[in-house]
């Protein structure tokens, strides 16, 4: 009996995911990945200089590095990448399901960042750094329309990719509803909103909060807006009226904690 098309497609996607690998590069990104016991590490390529800088991390990881000359650094990354003589092939991290990661630990009301089609790896890397600083439970993007786990993202994240959960899901609206069922207040950032984050969360900062940010330019999609509990804005001084999405994420996280 012939398998239905959707079953074949699902099996193909599963095989592709199992075969997927990424190349991390740069001393900091490679060191943090080497030191992460949850990261599956496959191949390490280093120059002699990088080997000296990573010696302890390499020894602790148990990996056998491939030593190459700087002019023969032949790994599949962008030739313009600032790799500092170190590149590591790895499997993407598996953080687990949304409903487990976003439960919180009971001490501090959890915060989560949701990204609506934010595709720039440098922005997502910077958001991961801010999420780690402010203790967010996760950064969540849509699988088909968000920055995948890449070397550029890892380098911008400066190690946060190894410690800060970055989940990529199928459907943003469904995940927002899943978080709402866990007790989250869902706030979408929109420049034209009438209320600030502080105003909407007045007296509610002990609640879990999910902050939804859209790509620069398009902003939040209509379906995303409709699924939010409220649209909120960041107050600006004077006539200044817009922020890079990574800066907006950092300020929104800070505002939502009431620190």
C-alpha atoms as a PDB file:
ATOM      1  CA  UNK A   1       0.000   0.000   0.000  1.00  0.00           C
ATOM      2  CA  UNK A   2       1.387   3.363  -1.022  1.00  0.00           C
ATOM      3  CA  UNK A   3       2.051   5.830   1.789  1.00  0.00           C
ATOM      4  CA  UNK A   4       0.073   9.090   1.746  1.00  0.00           C
ATOM      5  CA  UNK A   5       2.008  12.104   0.449  1.00  0.00           C
ATOM      6  CA  UNK A   6       1.951  13.836   3.841  1.00  0.00           C
ATOM      7  CA  UNK A   7       3.486  10.805   5.530  1.00  0.00           C
ATOM      8  CA  UNK A   8       6.297  10.665   2.946  1.00  0.00           C
ATOM      9  CA  UNK A   9       6.938  14.395   3.364  1.00  0.00           C
ATOM     10  CA  UNK A  10       7.062  14.053   7.147  1.00  0.00           C
ATOM     11  CA  UNK A  11       9.526  11.162   6.956  1.00  0.00           C
ATOM     12  CA  UNK A  12      11.727  13.086   4.505  1.00  0.00           C
ATOM     13  CA  UNK A  13      11.733  16.126   6.792  1.00  0.00           C
ATOM     14  CA  UNK A  14      12.667  13.943   9.756  1.00  0.00           C
ATOM     15  CA  UNK A  15      15.587  12.396   7.845  1.00  0.00           C
ATOM     16  CA  UNK A  16      16.761  15.831   6.694  1.00  0.00           C
ATOM     17  CA  UNK A  17      16.671  17.145  10.266  1.00  0.00           C
ATOM     18  CA  UNK A  18      18.661  14.144  11.485  1.00  0.00           C
ATOM     19  CA  UNK A  19      21.303  14.778   8.811  1.00  0.00           C
ATOM     20  CA  UNK A  20      21.504  18.548   9.425  1.00  0.00           C
ATOM     21  CA  UNK A  21      24.795  19.921  10.697  1.00  0.00           C
ATOM     22  CA  UNK A  22      26.108  23.460  11.121  1.00  0.00           C
ATOM     23  CA  UNK A  23      29.563  24.997  11.262  1.00  0.00           C
ATOM     24  CA  UNK A  24      30.341  27.281  14.191  1.00  0.00           C
ATOM     25  CA  UNK A  25      33.360  29.552  13.891  1.00  0.00           C
ATOM     26  CA  UNK A  26      35.333  32.021  15.954  1.00  0.00           C
ATOM     27  CA  UNK A  27      37.225  31.386  19.198  1.00  0.00           C
ATOM     28  CA  UNK A  28      34.376  32.258  21.598  1.00  0.00           C
ATOM     29  CA  UNK A  29      31.629  30.383  19.736  1.00  0.00           C
ATOM     30  CA  UNK A  30      33.790  27.296  19.280  1.00  0.00           C
ATOM     31  CA  UNK A  31      35.020  27.299  22.878  1.00  0.00           C
ATOM     32  CA  UNK A  32      31.475  27.570  24.276  1.00  0.00           C
ATOM     33  CA  UNK A  33      30.262  24.745  22.037  1.00  0.00           C
ATOM     34  CA  UNK A  34      33.208  22.537  22.997  1.00  0.00           C
ATOM     35  CA  UNK A  35      32.363  23.123  26.672  1.00  0.00           C
ATOM     36  CA  UNK A  36      28.655  22.383  26.204  1.00  0.00           C
ATOM     37  CA  UNK A  37      27.970  18.719  27.120  1.00  0.00           C
ATOM     38  CA  UNK A  38      24.579  18.912  25.374  1.00  0.00           C
ATOM     39  CA  UNK A  39      26.110  19.798  22.007  1.00  0.00           C
ATOM     40  CA  UNK A  40      26.878  16.948  19.586  1.00  0.00           C
ATOM     41  CA  UNK A  41      30.295  17.763  18.112  1.00  0.00           C
ATOM     42  CA  UNK A  42      31.464  16.164  14.868  1.00  0.00           C
ATOM     43  CA  UNK A  43      34.587  17.799  13.429  1.00  0.00           C
ATOM     44  CA  UNK A  44      37.006  20.439  14.701  1.00  0.00           C
ATOM     45  CA  UNK A  45      39.352  22.352  12.383  1.00  0.00           C
ATOM     46  CA  UNK A  46      41.930  24.726  13.889  1.00  0.00           C
ATOM     47  CA  UNK A  47      45.125  26.564  13.075  1.00  0.00           C
ATOM     48  CA  UNK A  48      48.111  26.218  15.399  1.00  0.00           C
ATOM     49  CA  UNK A  49      47.401  29.622  16.942  1.00  0.00           C
ATOM     50  CA  UNK A  50      43.738  28.780  17.608  1.00  0.00           C
ATOM     51  CA  UNK A  51      44.764  25.411  19.022  1.00  0.00           C
ATOM     52  CA  UNK A  52      46.814  27.192  21.654  1.00  0.00           C
ATOM     53  CA  UNK A  53      43.893  29.444  22.615  1.00  0.00           C
ATOM     54  CA  UNK A  54      41.444  26.530  22.796  1.00  0.00           C
ATOM     55  CA  UNK A  55      43.757  23.921  24.300  1.00  0.00           C
ATOM     56  CA  UNK A  56      41.854  23.437  27.578  1.00  0.00           C
ATOM     57  CA  UNK A  57      38.417  23.316  25.928  1.00  0.00           C
ATOM     58  CA  UNK A  58      39.634  20.837  23.300  1.00  0.00           C
ATOM     59  CA  UNK A  59      41.178  18.597  25.944  1.00  0.00           C
ATOM     60  CA  UNK A  60      37.994  18.652  28.027  1.00  0.00           C
ATOM     61  CA  UNK A  61      35.832  17.849  24.992  1.00  0.00           C
ATOM     62  CA  UNK A  62      37.858  14.769  24.063  1.00  0.00           C
ATOM     63  CA  UNK A  63      37.880  15.794  20.397  1.00  0.00           C
ATOM     64  CA  UNK A  64      40.796  15.184  18.047  1.00  0.00           C
ATOM     65  CA  UNK A  65      41.286  18.451  16.109  1.00  0.00           C
ATOM     66  CA  UNK A  66      42.413  18.709  12.503  1.00  0.00           C
ATOM     67  CA  UNK A  67      45.376  21.107  12.359  1.00  0.00           C
ATOM     68  CA  UNK A  68      45.596  23.219   9.191  1.00  0.00           C
ATOM     69  CA  UNK A  69      47.614  26.150   7.873  1.00  0.00           C
ATOM     70  CA  UNK A  70      45.791  29.517   7.903  1.00  0.00           C
ATOM     71  CA  UNK A  71      45.939  29.712   4.083  1.00  0.00           C
ATOM     72  CA  UNK A  72      44.405  26.242   3.785  1.00  0.00           C
ATOM     73  CA  UNK A  73      41.453  26.755   6.111  1.00  0.00           C
ATOM     74  CA  UNK A  74      39.076  24.777   3.915  1.00  0.00           C
ATOM     75  CA  UNK A  75      35.719  24.488   5.705  1.00  0.00           C
ATOM     76  CA  UNK A  76      32.245  25.273   4.265  1.00  0.00           C
ATOM     77  CA  UNK A  77      31.748  28.748   5.735  1.00  0.00           C
ATOM     78  CA  UNK A  78      31.587  32.168   4.091  1.00  0.00           C
ATOM     79  CA  UNK A  79      35.138  33.087   2.988  1.00  0.00           C
ATOM     80  CA  UNK A  80      34.586  36.547   4.508  1.00  0.00           C
ATOM     81  CA  UNK A  81      33.780  35.083   7.940  1.00  0.00           C
ATOM     82  CA  UNK A  82      36.089  36.116  10.769  1.00  0.00           C
ATOM     83  CA  UNK A  83      36.784  32.556  11.901  1.00  0.00           C
ATOM     84  CA  UNK A  84      39.970  33.295  13.924  1.00  0.00           C
ATOM     85  CA  UNK A  85      41.360  29.924  12.837  1.00  0.00           C
ATOM     86  CA  UNK A  86      38.684  27.793  14.508  1.00  0.00           C
ATOM     87  CA  UNK A  87      35.630  26.019  13.088  1.00  0.00           C
ATOM     88  CA  UNK A  88      33.501  23.281  14.616  1.00  0.00           C
ATOM     89  CA  UNK A  89      30.899  21.117  12.866  1.00  0.00           C
ATOM     90  CA  UNK A  90      27.988  20.336  15.204  1.00  0.00           C
ATOM     91  CA  UNK A  91      24.387  19.162  15.343  1.00  0.00           C
ATOM     92  CA  UNK A  92      21.724  21.774  16.193  1.00  0.00           C
ATOM     93  CA  UNK A  93      20.730  21.839  19.857  1.00  0.00           C
ATOM     94  CA  UNK A  94      17.477  20.199  20.928  1.00  0.00           C
ATOM     95  CA  UNK A  95      16.009  22.160  23.828  1.00  0.00           C
ATOM     96  CA  UNK A  96      12.768  20.192  24.083  1.00  0.00           C
ATOM     97  CA  UNK A  97       9.108  21.253  23.763  1.00  0.00           C
ATOM     98  CA  UNK A  98       7.780  24.756  24.414  1.00  0.00           C
ATOM     99  CA  UNK A  99       5.495  23.704  27.263  1.00  0.00           C
ATOM    100  CA  UNK A 100       8.432  22.305  29.238  1.00  0.00           C
ATOM    101  CA  UNK A 101      10.973  25.042  28.555  1.00  0.00           C
ATOM    102  CA  UNK A 102       8.528  27.864  29.297  1.00  0.00           C
ATOM    103  CA  UNK A 103       7.084  26.565  32.579  1.00  0.00           C
ATOM    104  CA  UNK A 104       9.493  28.593  34.711  1.00  0.00           C
ATOM    105  CA  UNK A 105      11.244  27.525  37.877  1.00  0.00           C
ATOM    106  CA  UNK A 106       8.808  28.962  40.422  1.00  0.00           C
ATOM    107  CA  UNK A 107      11.119  31.690  41.737  1.00  0.00           C
ATOM    108  CA  UNK A 108      10.829  34.410  39.079  1.00  0.00           C
ATOM    109  CA  UNK A 109       7.810  34.929  36.781  1.00  0.00           C
ATOM    110  CA  UNK A 110       9.036  33.651  33.381  1.00  0.00           C
ATOM    111  CA  UNK A 111       9.580  35.850  30.362  1.00  0.00           C
ATOM    112  CA  UNK A 112       9.669  34.617  26.759  1.00  0.00           C
ATOM    113  CA  UNK A 113      10.554  36.355  23.484  1.00  0.00           C
ATOM    114  CA  UNK A 114       8.579  35.401  20.355  1.00  0.00           C
ATOM    115  CA  UNK A 115       9.893  36.478  16.947  1.00  0.00           C
ATOM    116  CA  UNK A 116       7.515  36.996  14.035  1.00  0.00           C
ATOM    117  CA  UNK A 117       9.650  36.416  10.920  1.00  0.00           C
ATOM    118  CA  UNK A 118      12.849  37.976  12.240  1.00  0.00           C
ATOM    119  CA  UNK A 119      15.367  36.475   9.824  1.00  0.00           C
ATOM    120  CA  UNK A 120      18.612  38.420  10.367  1.00  0.00           C
ATOM    121  CA  UNK A 121      21.025  36.130  12.275  1.00  0.00           C
ATOM    122  CA  UNK A 122      22.853  39.131  13.764  1.00  0.00           C
ATOM    123  CA  UNK A 123      19.602  40.452  15.254  1.00  0.00           C
ATOM    124  CA  UNK A 124      18.637  37.034  16.611  1.00  0.00           C
ATOM    125  CA  UNK A 125      22.127  36.528  18.051  1.00  0.00           C
ATOM    126  CA  UNK A 126      21.910  39.870  19.860  1.00  0.00           C
ATOM    127  CA  UNK A 127      18.415  38.994  21.130  1.00  0.00           C
ATOM    128  CA  UNK A 128      19.757  35.728  22.553  1.00  0.00           C
ATOM    129  CA  UNK A 129      22.392  37.698  24.454  1.00  0.00           C
ATOM    130  CA  UNK A 130      19.755  40.017  25.924  1.00  0.00           C
ATOM    131  CA  UNK A 131      17.475  37.082  26.740  1.00  0.00           C
ATOM    132  CA  UNK A 132      20.271  35.446  28.708  1.00  0.00           C
ATOM    133  CA  UNK A 133      21.090  38.670  30.566  1.00  0.00           C
ATOM    134  CA  UNK A 134      17.463  39.233  31.601  1.00  0.00           C
ATOM    135  CA  UNK A 135      16.748  35.583  32.381  1.00  0.00           C
ATOM    136  CA  UNK A 136      14.201  34.864  29.630  1.00  0.00           C
ATOM    137  CA  UNK A 137      13.106  31.236  29.473  1.00  0.00           C
ATOM    138  CA  UNK A 138      13.355  31.067  25.676  1.00  0.00           C
ATOM    139  CA  UNK A 139      13.579  32.891  22.377  1.00  0.00           C
ATOM    140  CA  UNK A 140      11.110  31.359  19.926  1.00  0.00           C
ATOM    141  CA  UNK A 141      10.933  31.811  16.161  1.00  0.00           C
ATOM    142  CA  UNK A 142       9.002  30.277  13.295  1.00  0.00           C
ATOM    143  CA  UNK A 143      10.877  27.391  11.672  1.00  0.00           C
ATOM    144  CA  UNK A 144      10.362  28.509   8.067  1.00  0.00           C
ATOM    145  CA  UNK A 145      10.722  32.253   8.580  1.00  0.00           C
ATOM    146  CA  UNK A 146      13.339  32.822  11.273  1.00  0.00           C
ATOM    147  CA  UNK A 147      17.110  32.796  11.417  1.00  0.00           C
ATOM    148  CA  UNK A 148      18.339  29.209  11.645  1.00  0.00           C
ATOM    149  CA  UNK A 149      21.132  28.173  13.983  1.00  0.00           C
ATOM    150  CA  UNK A 150      24.244  29.230  12.037  1.00  0.00           C
ATOM    151  CA  UNK A 151      27.841  30.209  12.615  1.00  0.00           C
ATOM    152  CA  UNK A 152      27.018  33.896  12.097  1.00  0.00           C
ATOM    153  CA  UNK A 153      24.206  33.722  14.659  1.00  0.00           C
ATOM    154  CA  UNK A 154      26.419  31.879  17.157  1.00  0.00           C
ATOM    155  CA  UNK A 155      29.259  34.387  16.763  1.00  0.00           C
ATOM    156  CA  UNK A 156      26.919  37.353  17.344  1.00  0.00           C
ATOM    157  CA  UNK A 157      25.378  35.600  20.346  1.00  0.00           C
ATOM    158  CA  UNK A 158      28.840  35.371  21.963  1.00  0.00           C
ATOM    159  CA  UNK A 159      28.166  32.021  23.615  1.00  0.00           C
ATOM    160  CA  UNK A 160      24.505  32.622  24.493  1.00  0.00           C
ATOM    161  CA  UNK A 161      23.423  30.120  21.818  1.00  0.00           C
ATOM    162  CA  UNK A 162      24.867  27.323  23.976  1.00  0.00           C
ATOM    163  CA  UNK A 163      23.026  28.438  27.130  1.00  0.00           C
ATOM    164  CA  UNK A 164      19.885  30.290  26.065  1.00  0.00           C
ATOM    165  CA  UNK A 165      17.069  28.135  24.629  1.00  0.00           C
ATOM    166  CA  UNK A 166      16.317  29.055  21.008  1.00  0.00           C
ATOM    167  CA  UNK A 167      13.260  27.172  19.769  1.00  0.00           C
ATOM    168  CA  UNK A 168      11.943  27.133  16.210  1.00  0.00           C
ATOM    169  CA  UNK A 169       8.310  26.128  15.914  1.00  0.00           C
ATOM    170  CA  UNK A 170       5.868  25.448  13.073  1.00  0.00           C
ATOM    171  CA  UNK A 171       3.122  27.970  13.818  1.00  0.00           C
ATOM    172  CA  UNK A 172       3.494  31.161  15.850  1.00  0.00           C
ATOM    173  CA  UNK A 173      -0.205  31.675  16.618  1.00  0.00           C
ATOM    174  CA  UNK A 174      -0.544  28.098  17.899  1.00  0.00           C
ATOM    175  CA  UNK A 175       2.476  28.576  20.156  1.00  0.00           C
ATOM    176  CA  UNK A 176       1.023  31.840  21.477  1.00  0.00           C
ATOM    177  CA  UNK A 177      -2.168  29.964  22.392  1.00  0.00           C
ATOM    178  CA  UNK A 178      -0.070  27.251  24.038  1.00  0.00           C
ATOM    179  CA  UNK A 179       1.667  29.872  26.164  1.00  0.00           C
ATOM    180  CA  UNK A 180      -1.665  31.498  27.026  1.00  0.00           C
ATOM    181  CA  UNK A 181      -2.858  28.134  28.321  1.00  0.00           C
ATOM    182  CA  UNK A 182       0.211  28.138  30.608  1.00  0.00           C
ATOM    183  CA  UNK A 183      -0.916  31.456  32.058  1.00  0.00           C
ATOM    184  CA  UNK A 184       1.151  33.822  29.922  1.00  0.00           C
ATOM    185  CA  UNK A 185       0.076  37.357  29.047  1.00  0.00           C
ATOM    186  CA  UNK A 186       0.882  37.814  25.340  1.00  0.00           C
ATOM    187  CA  UNK A 187       2.072  41.322  24.442  1.00  0.00           C
ATOM    188  CA  UNK A 188       2.875  42.382  20.878  1.00  0.00           C
ATOM    189  CA  UNK A 189       5.190  45.333  20.280  1.00  0.00           C
ATOM    190  CA  UNK A 190       3.765  47.850  17.818  1.00  0.00           C
ATOM    191  CA  UNK A 191       4.809  51.453  17.323  1.00  0.00           C
ATOM    192  CA  UNK A 192       1.210  52.670  16.999  1.00  0.00           C
ATOM    193  CA  UNK A 193       0.030  51.035  20.254  1.00  0.00           C
ATOM    194  CA  UNK A 194      -1.505  53.379  22.818  1.00  0.00           C
ATOM    195  CA  UNK A 195      -0.234  51.726  26.000  1.00  0.00           C
ATOM    196  CA  UNK A 196       3.282  51.022  27.205  1.00  0.00           C
ATOM    197  CA  UNK A 197       4.481  47.678  28.558  1.00  0.00           C
ATOM    198  CA  UNK A 198       4.578  49.135  32.071  1.00  0.00           C
ATOM    199  CA  UNK A 199       0.989  50.364  31.836  1.00  0.00           C
ATOM    200  CA  UNK A 200      -0.404  47.026  30.635  1.00  0.00           C
ATOM    201  CA  UNK A 201       1.549  45.065  33.243  1.00  0.00           C
ATOM    202  CA  UNK A 202       0.766  47.396  36.145  1.00  0.00           C
ATOM    203  CA  UNK A 203      -0.079  45.052  39.032  1.00  0.00           C
ATOM    204  CA  UNK A 204       0.546  41.954  36.849  1.00  0.00           C
ATOM    205  CA  UNK A 205       4.332  41.595  36.793  1.00  0.00           C
ATOM    206  CA  UNK A 206       4.042  38.414  38.838  1.00  0.00           C
ATOM    207  CA  UNK A 207       2.433  36.807  35.760  1.00  0.00           C
ATOM    208  CA  UNK A 208       4.367  35.003  32.997  1.00  0.00           C
ATOM    209  CA  UNK A 209       4.828  37.343  30.014  1.00  0.00           C
ATOM    210  CA  UNK A 210       5.515  36.618  26.341  1.00  0.00           C
ATOM    211  CA  UNK A 211       6.791  39.546  24.266  1.00  0.00           C
ATOM    212  CA  UNK A 212       6.188  39.293  20.515  1.00  0.00           C
ATOM    213  CA  UNK A 213       8.391  41.259  18.125  1.00  0.00           C
ATOM    214  CA  UNK A 214       8.129  41.533  14.355  1.00  0.00           C
ATOM    215  CA  UNK A 215      10.729  42.114  11.684  1.00  0.00           C
ATOM    216  CA  UNK A 216      11.895  45.667  11.114  1.00  0.00           C
ATOM    217  CA  UNK A 217       9.681  47.231   8.477  1.00  0.00           C
ATOM    218  CA  UNK A 218       6.760  44.764   8.222  1.00  0.00           C
ATOM    219  CA  UNK A 219       6.312  44.460  11.988  1.00  0.00           C
ATOM    220  CA  UNK A 220       3.768  41.993  13.334  1.00  0.00           C
ATOM    221  CA  UNK A 221       1.543  40.127  10.909  1.00  0.00           C
ATOM    222  CA  UNK A 222      -2.235  40.576  11.234  1.00  0.00           C
ATOM    223  CA  UNK A 223      -2.811  37.068  12.623  1.00  0.00           C
ATOM    224  CA  UNK A 224      -0.095  37.647  15.213  1.00  0.00           C
ATOM    225  CA  UNK A 225      -1.677  40.939  16.279  1.00  0.00           C
ATOM    226  CA  UNK A 226      -5.074  39.312  16.645  1.00  0.00           C
ATOM    227  CA  UNK A 227      -3.628  36.565  18.856  1.00  0.00           C
ATOM    228  CA  UNK A 228      -1.983  38.995  21.307  1.00  0.00           C
ATOM    229  CA  UNK A 229      -3.721  39.988  24.537  1.00  0.00           C
ATOM    230  CA  UNK A 230      -2.596  43.572  23.960  1.00  0.00           C
ATOM    231  CA  UNK A 231      -0.385  45.655  21.711  1.00  0.00           C
ATOM    232  CA  UNK A 232       2.205  47.734  23.533  1.00  0.00           C
ATOM    233  CA  UNK A 233       4.850  50.311  22.729  1.00  0.00           C
ATOM    234  CA  UNK A 234       8.173  51.483  24.084  1.00  0.00           C
ATOM    235  CA  UNK A 235       8.073  55.104  25.225  1.00  0.00           C
ATOM    236  CA  UNK A 236      10.514  57.326  23.362  1.00  0.00           C
ATOM    237  CA  UNK A 237      11.897  60.690  24.372  1.00  0.00           C
ATOM    238  CA  UNK A 238      11.347  63.479  21.863  1.00  0.00           C
ATOM    239  CA  UNK A 239      10.616  62.663  18.247  1.00  0.00           C
ATOM    240  CA  UNK A 240      12.674  59.472  18.068  1.00  0.00           C
ATOM    241  CA  UNK A 241      10.306  56.667  17.138  1.00  0.00           C
ATOM    242  CA  UNK A 242      11.944  53.369  16.181  1.00  0.00           C
ATOM    243  CA  UNK A 243      14.518  50.861  17.385  1.00  0.00           C
ATOM    244  CA  UNK A 244      16.437  47.965  15.947  1.00  0.00           C
ATOM    245  CA  UNK A 245      14.515  44.783  16.853  1.00  0.00           C
ATOM    246  CA  UNK A 246      17.332  43.473  19.058  1.00  0.00           C
ATOM    247  CA  UNK A 247      17.445  46.741  21.022  1.00  0.00           C
ATOM    248  CA  UNK A 248      13.666  46.713  21.314  1.00  0.00           C
ATOM    249  CA  UNK A 249      13.777  43.166  22.701  1.00  0.00           C
ATOM    250  CA  UNK A 250      16.282  44.149  25.384  1.00  0.00           C
ATOM    251  CA  UNK A 251      14.273  47.198  26.477  1.00  0.00           C
ATOM    252  CA  UNK A 252      10.994  45.256  26.425  1.00  0.00           C
ATOM    253  CA  UNK A 253      12.454  42.495  28.611  1.00  0.00           C
ATOM    254  CA  UNK A 254      13.749  45.077  31.078  1.00  0.00           C
ATOM    255  CA  UNK A 255      10.417  46.928  31.145  1.00  0.00           C
ATOM    256  CA  UNK A 256       8.460  43.712  31.679  1.00  0.00           C
ATOM    257  CA  UNK A 257      10.470  42.724  34.755  1.00  0.00           C
ATOM    258  CA  UNK A 258       9.896  45.960  36.634  1.00  0.00           C
ATOM    259  CA  UNK A 259      13.466  46.078  37.868  1.00  0.00           C
END
